All heavy atoms as atom14 arrays in JSON, in Angstrom:
{
  "sequence": "RSAEPGWEGAVGARLSLRVALRRIVRDRSTVLVALTSGGVLQ",
  "atom14_mask": [
    [1, 1, 1, 1, 1, 1, 1, 1, 1, 1, 1, 0, 0, 0],
    [1, 1, 1, 1, 1, 1, 0, 0, 0, 0, 0, 0, 0, 0],
    [1, 1, 1, 1, 1, 0, 0, 0, 0, 0, 0, 0, 0, 0],
    [1, 1, 1, 1, 1, 1, 1, 1, 1, 0, 0, 0, 0, 0],
    [1, 1, 1, 1, 1, 1, 1, 0, 0, 0, 0, 0, 0, 0],
    [1, 1, 1, 1, 0, 0, 0, 0, 0, 0, 0, 0, 0, 0],
    [1, 1, 1, 1, 1, 1, 1, 1, 1, 1, 1, 1, 1, 1],
    [1, 1, 1, 1, 1, 1, 1, 1, 1, 0, 0, 0, 0, 0],
    [1, 1, 1, 1, 0, 0, 0, 0, 0, 0, 0, 0, 0, 0],
    [1, 1, 1, 1, 1, 0, 0, 0, 0, 0, 0, 0, 0, 0],
    [1, 1, 1, 1, 1, 1, 1, 0, 0, 0, 0, 0, 0, 0],
    [1, 1, 1, 1, 0, 0, 0, 0, 0, 0, 0, 0, 0, 0],
    [1, 1, 1, 1, 1, 0, 0, 0, 0, 0, 0, 0, 0, 0],
    [1, 1, 1, 1, 1, 1, 1, 1, 1, 1, 1, 0, 0, 0],
    [1, 1, 1, 1, 1, 1, 1, 1, 0, 0, 0, 0, 0, 0],
    [1, 1, 1, 1, 1, 1, 0, 0, 0, 0, 0, 0, 0, 0],
    [1, 1, 1, 1, 1, 1, 1, 1, 0, 0, 0, 0, 0, 0],
    [1, 1, 1, 1, 1, 1, 1, 1, 1, 1, 1, 0, 0, 0],
    [1, 1, 1, 1, 1, 1, 1, 0, 0, 0, 0, 0, 0, 0],
    [1, 1, 1, 1, 1, 0, 0, 0, 0, 0, 0, 0, 0, 0],
    [1, 1, 1, 1, 1, 1, 1, 1, 0, 0, 0, 0, 0, 0],
    [1, 1, 1, 1, 1, 1, 1, 1, 1, 1, 1, 0, 0, 0],
    [1, 1, 1, 1, 1, 1, 1, 1, 1, 1, 1, 0, 0, 0],
    [1, 1, 1, 1, 1, 1, 1, 1, 0, 0, 0, 0, 0, 0],
    [1, 1, 1, 1, 1, 1, 1, 0, 0, 0, 0, 0, 0, 0],
    [1, 1, 1, 1, 1, 1, 1, 1, 1, 1, 1, 0, 0, 0],
    [1, 1, 1, 1, 1, 1, 1, 1, 0, 0, 0, 0, 0, 0],
    [1, 1, 1, 1, 1, 1, 1, 1, 1, 1, 1, 0, 0, 0],
    [1, 1, 1, 1, 1, 1, 0, 0, 0, 0, 0, 0, 0, 0],
    [1, 1, 1, 1, 1, 1, 1, 0, 0, 0, 0, 0, 0, 0],
    [1, 1, 1, 1, 1, 1, 1, 0, 0, 0, 0, 0, 0, 0],
    [1, 1, 1, 1, 1, 1, 1, 1, 0, 0, 0, 0, 0, 0],
    [1, 1, 1, 1, 1, 1, 1, 0, 0, 0, 0, 0, 0, 0],
    [1, 1, 1, 1, 1, 0, 0, 0, 0, 0, 0, 0, 0, 0],
    [1, 1, 1, 1, 1, 1, 1, 1, 0, 0, 0, 0, 0, 0],
    [1, 1, 1, 1, 1, 1, 1, 0, 0, 0, 0, 0, 0, 0],
    [1, 1, 1, 1, 1, 1, 0, 0, 0, 0, 0, 0, 0, 0],
    [1, 1, 1, 1, 0, 0, 0, 0, 0, 0, 0, 0, 0, 0],
    [1, 1, 1, 1, 0, 0, 0, 0, 0, 0, 0, 0, 0, 0],
    [1, 1, 1, 1, 1, 1, 1, 0, 0, 0, 0, 0, 0, 0],
    [1, 1, 1, 1, 1, 1, 1, 1, 0, 0, 0, 0, 0, 0],
    [1, 1, 1, 1, 1, 1, 1, 1, 1, 0, 0, 0, 0, 0]
  ],
  "atom14_positions": [
    [[13.85, 2.96, -18.17], [13.98, 4.33, -18.67], [13.98, 5.35, -17.55], [14.54, 6.43, -17.68], [12.85, 4.66, -19.65], [13.03, 4.07, -21.01], [11.99, 4.58, -22.0], [11.69, 5.99, -21.9], [12.26, 6.95, -22.63], [13.16, 6.65, -23.51], [11.89, 8.2, -22.49], [0.0, 0.0, 0.0], [0.0, 0.0, 0.0], [0.0, 0.0, 0.0]],
    [[13.35, 5.05, -16.42], [13.28, 6.02, -15.32], [14.65, 6.3, -14.72], [14.84, 7.31, -14.05], [12.33, 5.53, -14.23], [12.82, 4.34, -13.64], [0.0, 0.0, 0.0], [0.0, 0.0, 0.0], [0.0, 0.0, 0.0], [0.0, 0.0, 0.0], [0.0, 0.0, 0.0], [0.0, 0.0, 0.0], [0.0, 0.0, 0.0], [0.0, 0.0, 0.0]],
    [[15.63, 5.45, -14.96], [16.97, 5.65, -14.44], [17.84, 6.49, -15.38], [18.94, 6.88, -15.02], [17.64, 4.31, -14.18], [0.0, 0.0, 0.0], [0.0, 0.0, 0.0], [0.0, 0.0, 0.0], [0.0, 0.0, 0.0], [0.0, 0.0, 0.0], [0.0, 0.0, 0.0], [0.0, 0.0, 0.0], [0.0, 0.0, 0.0], [0.0, 0.0, 0.0]],
    [[17.36, 6.76, -16.59], [18.14, 7.53, -17.54], [18.1, 9.02, -17.2], [17.03, 9.57, -16.93], [17.57, 7.33, -18.95], [17.71, 5.92, -19.46], [17.06, 5.75, -20.83], [16.8, 6.76, -21.51], [16.8, 4.6, -21.19], [0.0, 0.0, 0.0], [0.0, 0.0, 0.0], [0.0, 0.0, 0.0], [0.0, 0.0, 0.0], [0.0, 0.0, 0.0]],
    [[19.25, 9.69, -17.19], [19.26, 11.13, -16.93], [18.37, 11.87, -17.92], [18.38, 11.59, -19.12], [20.73, 11.52, -17.11], [21.49, 10.24, -16.93], [20.57, 9.15, -17.42], [0.0, 0.0, 0.0], [0.0, 0.0, 0.0], [0.0, 0.0, 0.0], [0.0, 0.0, 0.0], [0.0, 0.0, 0.0], [0.0, 0.0, 0.0], [0.0, 0.0, 0.0]],
    [[17.58, 12.78, -17.43], [16.72, 13.6, -18.28], [15.41, 12.95, -18.67], [14.65, 13.51, -19.45], [0.0, 0.0, 0.0], [0.0, 0.0, 0.0], [0.0, 0.0, 0.0], [0.0, 0.0, 0.0], [0.0, 0.0, 0.0], [0.0, 0.0, 0.0], [0.0, 0.0, 0.0], [0.0, 0.0, 0.0], [0.0, 0.0, 0.0], [0.0, 0.0, 0.0]],
    [[15.07, 11.79, -18.12], [13.84, 11.08, -18.5], [12.59, 11.87, -18.18], [11.58, 11.71, -18.82], [13.77, 9.7, -17.82], [13.57, 9.78, -16.35], [14.53, 9.83, -15.4], [12.32, 9.83, -15.64], [13.99, 9.93, -14.15], [12.63, 9.93, -14.27], [10.99, 9.81, -16.03], [11.64, 10.0, -13.29], [10.02, 9.89, -15.04], [10.35, 9.98, -13.69]],
    [[12.65, 12.76, -17.19], [11.47, 13.5, -16.78], [11.15, 14.67, -17.71], [10.08, 15.26, -17.61], [11.62, 14.01, -15.34], [12.64, 15.12, -15.16], [14.09, 14.66, -15.06], [14.36, 13.46, -15.11], [14.96, 15.54, -14.94], [0.0, 0.0, 0.0], [0.0, 0.0, 0.0], [0.0, 0.0, 0.0], [0.0, 0.0, 0.0], [0.0, 0.0, 0.0]],
    [[12.05, 15.04, -18.57], [11.83, 16.15, -19.5], [12.12, 17.5, -18.85], [12.38, 17.59, -17.66], [0.0, 0.0, 0.0], [0.0, 0.0, 0.0], [0.0, 0.0, 0.0], [0.0, 0.0, 0.0], [0.0, 0.0, 0.0], [0.0, 0.0, 0.0], [0.0, 0.0, 0.0], [0.0, 0.0, 0.0], [0.0, 0.0, 0.0], [0.0, 0.0, 0.0]],
    [[12.06, 18.54, -19.65], [12.41, 19.88, -19.17], [11.45, 20.38, -18.1], [11.86, 20.97, -17.11], [12.44, 20.86, -20.34], [0.0, 0.0, 0.0], [0.0, 0.0, 0.0], [0.0, 0.0, 0.0], [0.0, 0.0, 0.0], [0.0, 0.0, 0.0], [0.0, 0.0, 0.0], [0.0, 0.0, 0.0], [0.0, 0.0, 0.0], [0.0, 0.0, 0.0]],
    [[10.15, 20.15, -18.29], [9.17, 20.62, -17.3], [9.3, 19.82, -16.02], [9.34, 20.37, -14.92], [7.74, 20.52, -17.87], [6.71, 20.86, -16.8], [7.58, 21.46, -19.05], [0.0, 0.0, 0.0], [0.0, 0.0, 0.0], [0.0, 0.0, 0.0], [0.0, 0.0, 0.0], [0.0, 0.0, 0.0], [0.0, 0.0, 0.0], [0.0, 0.0, 0.0]],
    [[9.39, 18.52, -16.1], [9.5, 17.67, -14.93], [10.73, 17.97, -14.1], [10.71, 17.88, -12.88], [0.0, 0.0, 0.0], [0.0, 0.0, 0.0], [0.0, 0.0, 0.0], [0.0, 0.0, 0.0], [0.0, 0.0, 0.0], [0.0, 0.0, 0.0], [0.0, 0.0, 0.0], [0.0, 0.0, 0.0], [0.0, 0.0, 0.0], [0.0, 0.0, 0.0]],
    [[11.81, 18.34, -14.75], [13.05, 18.65, -14.05], [12.9, 19.89, -13.17], [13.61, 20.04, -12.18], [14.18, 18.85, -15.05], [0.0, 0.0, 0.0], [0.0, 0.0, 0.0], [0.0, 0.0, 0.0], [0.0, 0.0, 0.0], [0.0, 0.0, 0.0], [0.0, 0.0, 0.0], [0.0, 0.0, 0.0], [0.0, 0.0, 0.0], [0.0, 0.0, 0.0]],
    [[11.98, 20.79, -13.51], [11.79, 22.01, -12.73], [10.81, 21.83, -11.58], [10.69, 22.69, -10.72], [11.31, 23.14, -13.63], [12.37, 23.63, -14.6], [11.96, 24.91, -15.28], [10.66, 24.82, -15.91], [10.46, 24.61, -17.22], [11.48, 24.46, -18.01], [9.25, 24.55, -17.71], [0.0, 0.0, 0.0], [0.0, 0.0, 0.0], [0.0, 0.0, 0.0]],
    [[10.07, 20.73, -11.58], [9.08, 20.51, -10.53], [9.76, 20.1, -9.23], [10.77, 19.43, -9.22], [8.08, 19.44, -10.96], [7.21, 19.8, -12.15], [6.29, 18.64, -12.48], [6.41, 21.05, -11.9], [0.0, 0.0, 0.0], [0.0, 0.0, 0.0], [0.0, 0.0, 0.0], [0.0, 0.0, 0.0], [0.0, 0.0, 0.0], [0.0, 0.0, 0.0]],
    [[9.16, 20.52, -8.14], [9.72, 20.18, -6.83], [8.56, 20.03, -5.85], [7.41, 20.34, -6.16], [10.66, 21.29, -6.36], [9.91, 22.48, -6.12], [0.0, 0.0, 0.0], [0.0, 0.0, 0.0], [0.0, 0.0, 0.0], [0.0, 0.0, 0.0], [0.0, 0.0, 0.0], [0.0, 0.0, 0.0], [0.0, 0.0, 0.0], [0.0, 0.0, 0.0]],
    [[8.89, 19.56, -4.66], [7.89, 19.46, -3.6], [7.29, 20.83, -3.32], [6.08, 20.98, -3.16], [8.51, 18.87, -2.34], [7.61, 18.76, -1.12], [6.4, 17.87, -1.41], [8.4, 18.22, 0.06], [0.0, 0.0, 0.0], [0.0, 0.0, 0.0], [0.0, 0.0, 0.0], [0.0, 0.0, 0.0], [0.0, 0.0, 0.0], [0.0, 0.0, 0.0]],
    [[8.12, 21.84, -3.3], [7.67, 23.2, -3.03], [6.64, 23.65, -4.07], [5.61, 24.24, -3.73], [8.88, 24.13, -3.02], [8.62, 25.45, -2.37], [9.88, 26.22, -2.16], [10.8, 26.07, -3.28], [12.06, 26.45, -3.27], [12.57, 26.99, -2.21], [12.82, 26.29, -4.32], [0.0, 0.0, 0.0], [0.0, 0.0, 0.0], [0.0, 0.0, 0.0]],
    [[6.88, 23.37, -5.33], [5.94, 23.75, -6.4], [4.6, 23.04, -6.22], [3.54, 23.64, -6.32], [6.55, 23.43, -7.79], [5.52, 23.58, -8.88], [7.75, 24.33, -8.06], [0.0, 0.0, 0.0], [0.0, 0.0, 0.0], [0.0, 0.0, 0.0], [0.0, 0.0, 0.0], [0.0, 0.0, 0.0], [0.0, 0.0, 0.0], [0.0, 0.0, 0.0]],
    [[4.64, 21.74, -5.92], [3.41, 20.97, -5.73], [2.62, 21.48, -4.51], [1.39, 21.62, -4.57], [3.73, 19.5, -5.56], [0.0, 0.0, 0.0], [0.0, 0.0, 0.0], [0.0, 0.0, 0.0], [0.0, 0.0, 0.0], [0.0, 0.0, 0.0], [0.0, 0.0, 0.0], [0.0, 0.0, 0.0], [0.0, 0.0, 0.0], [0.0, 0.0, 0.0]],
    [[3.3, 21.79, -3.42], [2.62, 22.29, -2.23], [2.01, 23.68, -2.47], [0.92, 23.97, -1.99], [3.58, 22.32, -1.04], [4.02, 20.95, -0.52], [5.13, 21.1, 0.51], [2.84, 20.18, 0.04], [0.0, 0.0, 0.0], [0.0, 0.0, 0.0], [0.0, 0.0, 0.0], [0.0, 0.0, 0.0], [0.0, 0.0, 0.0], [0.0, 0.0, 0.0]],
    [[2.7, 24.51, -3.23], [2.15, 25.84, -3.53], [0.87, 25.74, -4.34], [-0.04, 26.55, -4.19], [3.19, 26.69, -4.26], [4.23, 27.21, -3.31], [5.18, 28.19, -3.96], [6.08, 28.71, -2.95], [7.34, 29.01, -3.15], [7.87, 28.84, -4.35], [8.08, 29.46, -2.18], [0.0, 0.0, 0.0], [0.0, 0.0, 0.0], [0.0, 0.0, 0.0]],
    [[0.78, 24.75, -5.19], [-0.46, 24.54, -5.96], [-1.61, 24.2, -5.01], [-2.73, 24.66, -5.2], [-0.25, 23.44, -6.98], [-1.44, 23.25, -7.86], [-1.13, 22.4, -9.04], [-2.32, 22.26, -9.86], [-2.42, 21.47, -10.87], [-1.38, 20.73, -11.23], [-3.52, 21.38, -11.56], [0.0, 0.0, 0.0], [0.0, 0.0, 0.0], [0.0, 0.0, 0.0]],
    [[-1.33, 23.4, -4.0], [-2.37, 23.06, -3.01], [-2.77, 24.29, -2.21], [-3.94, 24.48, -1.9], [-1.89, 21.93, -2.08], [-1.58, 20.68, -2.89], [-2.94, 21.62, -1.02], [-0.9, 19.57, -2.1], [0.0, 0.0, 0.0], [0.0, 0.0, 0.0], [0.0, 0.0, 0.0], [0.0, 0.0, 0.0], [0.0, 0.0, 0.0], [0.0, 0.0, 0.0]],
    [[-1.8, 25.14, -1.87], [-2.12, 26.39, -1.16], [-3.07, 27.23, -1.99], [-4.06, 27.75, -1.47], [-0.82, 27.2, -0.86], [-1.17, 28.61, -0.39], [0.03, 26.49, 0.17], [0.0, 0.0, 0.0], [0.0, 0.0, 0.0], [0.0, 0.0, 0.0], [0.0, 0.0, 0.0], [0.0, 0.0, 0.0], [0.0, 0.0, 0.0], [0.0, 0.0, 0.0]],
    [[-2.82, 27.34, -3.29], [-3.67, 28.17, -4.16], [-5.1, 27.66, -4.23], [-6.03, 28.45, -4.3], [-3.08, 28.23, -5.57], [-1.94, 29.19, -5.71], [-1.61, 29.47, -7.17], [-1.35, 28.28, -7.95], [-0.16, 27.72, -8.11], [0.9, 28.24, -7.51], [-0.02, 26.65, -8.85], [0.0, 0.0, 0.0], [0.0, 0.0, 0.0], [0.0, 0.0, 0.0]],
    [[-5.3, 26.35, -4.23], [-6.68, 25.86, -4.37], [-7.42, 25.71, -3.04], [-8.59, 25.36, -3.03], [-6.74, 24.58, -5.22], [-6.24, 23.35, -4.52], [-6.14, 23.32, -3.29], [-5.94, 22.38, -5.23], [0.0, 0.0, 0.0], [0.0, 0.0, 0.0], [0.0, 0.0, 0.0], [0.0, 0.0, 0.0], [0.0, 0.0, 0.0], [0.0, 0.0, 0.0]],
    [[-6.72, 25.97, -1.92], [-7.35, 26.0, -0.58], [-8.02, 24.68, -0.19], [-8.98, 24.65, 0.55], [-8.35, 27.16, -0.47], [-7.79, 28.53, -0.71], [-6.83, 28.99, 0.35], [-7.52, 29.12, 1.64], [-6.92, 29.02, 2.8], [-5.64, 28.77, 2.87], [-7.59, 29.15, 3.91], [0.0, 0.0, 0.0], [0.0, 0.0, 0.0], [0.0, 0.0, 0.0]],
    [[-7.51, 23.57, -0.68], [-8.04, 22.26, -0.34], [-7.74, 21.91, 1.11], [-6.73, 22.34, 1.67], [-7.4, 21.17, -1.21], [-7.71, 21.35, -2.55], [0.0, 0.0, 0.0], [0.0, 0.0, 0.0], [0.0, 0.0, 0.0], [0.0, 0.0, 0.0], [0.0, 0.0, 0.0], [0.0, 0.0, 0.0], [0.0, 0.0, 0.0], [0.0, 0.0, 0.0]],
    [[-8.6, 21.12, 1.71], [-8.32, 20.54, 3.02], [-7.38, 19.36, 2.79], [-7.55, 18.6, 1.84], [-9.61, 20.04, 3.68], [-10.49, 21.16, 3.84], [-9.35, 19.42, 5.03], [0.0, 0.0, 0.0], [0.0, 0.0, 0.0], [0.0, 0.0, 0.0], [0.0, 0.0, 0.0], [0.0, 0.0, 0.0], [0.0, 0.0, 0.0], [0.0, 0.0, 0.0]],
    [[-6.38, 19.23, 3.65], [-5.4, 18.17, 3.5], [-5.19, 17.42, 4.82], [-5.45, 17.95, 5.9], [-4.03, 18.71, 3.02], [-4.13, 19.32, 1.63], [-3.44, 19.7, 4.01], [0.0, 0.0, 0.0], [0.0, 0.0, 0.0], [0.0, 0.0, 0.0], [0.0, 0.0, 0.0], [0.0, 0.0, 0.0], [0.0, 0.0, 0.0], [0.0, 0.0, 0.0]],
    [[-4.7, 16.21, 4.7], [-4.14, 15.46, 5.82], [-2.65, 15.42, 5.55], [-2.22, 15.09, 4.44], [-4.68, 14.04, 5.88], [-6.15, 13.88, 6.24], [-6.54, 12.41, 6.16], [-6.42, 14.41, 7.63], [0.0, 0.0, 0.0], [0.0, 0.0, 0.0], [0.0, 0.0, 0.0], [0.0, 0.0, 0.0], [0.0, 0.0, 0.0], [0.0, 0.0, 0.0]],
    [[-1.85, 15.75, 6.56], [-0.4, 15.67, 6.43], [0.07, 14.58, 7.39], [-0.08, 14.71, 8.6], [0.28, 17.01, 6.78], [1.79, 16.89, 6.65], [-0.24, 18.14, 5.88], [0.0, 0.0, 0.0], [0.0, 0.0, 0.0], [0.0, 0.0, 0.0], [0.0, 0.0, 0.0], [0.0, 0.0, 0.0], [0.0, 0.0, 0.0], [0.0, 0.0, 0.0]],
    [[0.58, 13.49, 6.81], [1.14, 12.41, 7.62], [2.62, 12.72, 7.84], [3.34, 13.07, 6.91], [0.97, 11.08, 6.92], [0.0, 0.0, 0.0], [0.0, 0.0, 0.0], [0.0, 0.0, 0.0], [0.0, 0.0, 0.0], [0.0, 0.0, 0.0], [0.0, 0.0, 0.0], [0.0, 0.0, 0.0], [0.0, 0.0, 0.0], [0.0, 0.0, 0.0]],
    [[3.04, 12.61, 9.09], [4.41, 12.91, 9.45], [5.24, 11.63, 9.52], [4.71, 10.56, 9.81], [4.45, 13.63, 10.8], [3.6, 14.89, 10.89], [3.62, 15.45, 12.3], [4.07, 15.93, 9.88], [0.0, 0.0, 0.0], [0.0, 0.0, 0.0], [0.0, 0.0, 0.0], [0.0, 0.0, 0.0], [0.0, 0.0, 0.0], [0.0, 0.0, 0.0]],
    [[6.54, 11.75, 9.28], [7.41, 10.59, 9.36], [7.45, 10.01, 10.77], [7.77, 8.85, 10.95], [8.83, 10.94, 8.89], [9.32, 12.04, 9.66], [8.86, 11.3, 7.41], [0.0, 0.0, 0.0], [0.0, 0.0, 0.0], [0.0, 0.0, 0.0], [0.0, 0.0, 0.0], [0.0, 0.0, 0.0], [0.0, 0.0, 0.0], [0.0, 0.0, 0.0]],
    [[7.07, 10.81, 11.76], [7.02, 10.34, 13.15], [5.78, 9.5, 13.44], [5.65, 8.93, 14.51], [7.04, 11.53, 14.1], [5.86, 12.3, 13.95], [0.0, 0.0, 0.0], [0.0, 0.0, 0.0], [0.0, 0.0, 0.0], [0.0, 0.0, 0.0], [0.0, 0.0, 0.0], [0.0, 0.0, 0.0], [0.0, 0.0, 0.0], [0.0, 0.0, 0.0]],
    [[4.83, 9.48, 12.49], [3.6, 8.73, 12.67], [2.39, 9.6, 12.97], [1.26, 9.13, 12.93], [0.0, 0.0, 0.0], [0.0, 0.0, 0.0], [0.0, 0.0, 0.0], [0.0, 0.0, 0.0], [0.0, 0.0, 0.0], [0.0, 0.0, 0.0], [0.0, 0.0, 0.0], [0.0, 0.0, 0.0], [0.0, 0.0, 0.0], [0.0, 0.0, 0.0]],
    [[2.59, 10.87, 13.27], [1.48, 11.79, 13.54], [0.75, 12.17, 12.26], [1.28, 12.02, 11.16], [0.0, 0.0, 0.0], [0.0, 0.0, 0.0], [0.0, 0.0, 0.0], [0.0, 0.0, 0.0], [0.0, 0.0, 0.0], [0.0, 0.0, 0.0], [0.0, 0.0, 0.0], [0.0, 0.0, 0.0], [0.0, 0.0, 0.0], [0.0, 0.0, 0.0]],
    [[-0.47, 12.67, 12.44], [-1.27, 13.14, 11.31], [-1.89, 14.47, 11.69], [-2.46, 14.61, 12.77], [-2.38, 12.13, 10.94], [-3.24, 12.67, 9.81], [-1.8, 10.78, 10.58], [0.0, 0.0, 0.0], [0.0, 0.0, 0.0], [0.0, 0.0, 0.0], [0.0, 0.0, 0.0], [0.0, 0.0, 0.0], [0.0, 0.0, 0.0], [0.0, 0.0, 0.0]],
    [[-1.77, 15.45, 10.81], [-2.36, 16.77, 11.01], [-3.38, 17.02, 9.9], [-3.23, 16.51, 8.79], [-1.28, 17.85, 10.97], [-0.15, 17.72, 11.98], [0.95, 18.73, 11.68], [-0.68, 17.91, 13.4], [0.0, 0.0, 0.0], [0.0, 0.0, 0.0], [0.0, 0.0, 0.0], [0.0, 0.0, 0.0], [0.0, 0.0, 0.0], [0.0, 0.0, 0.0]],
    [[-4.4, 17.82, 10.21], [-5.42, 18.14, 9.22], [-5.62, 19.64, 9.18], [-5.55, 20.3, 10.21], [-6.74, 17.46, 9.58], [-7.86, 17.76, 8.6], [-9.14, 17.01, 8.94], [-9.11, 15.98, 9.59], [-10.26, 17.54, 8.5], [0.0, 0.0, 0.0], [0.0, 0.0, 0.0], [0.0, 0.0, 0.0], [0.0, 0.0, 0.0], [0.0, 0.0, 0.0]]
  ]
}
């Protein structure tokens, strides 16, 4: 079912990486960011 167009629904279709990251900005959590190069930032 995950391969079917529209399986995520109307709300899921609007979600993006940017939206998820903005939520983390709002809650001021400490994060670890792993980079594709192998580095890690905190």
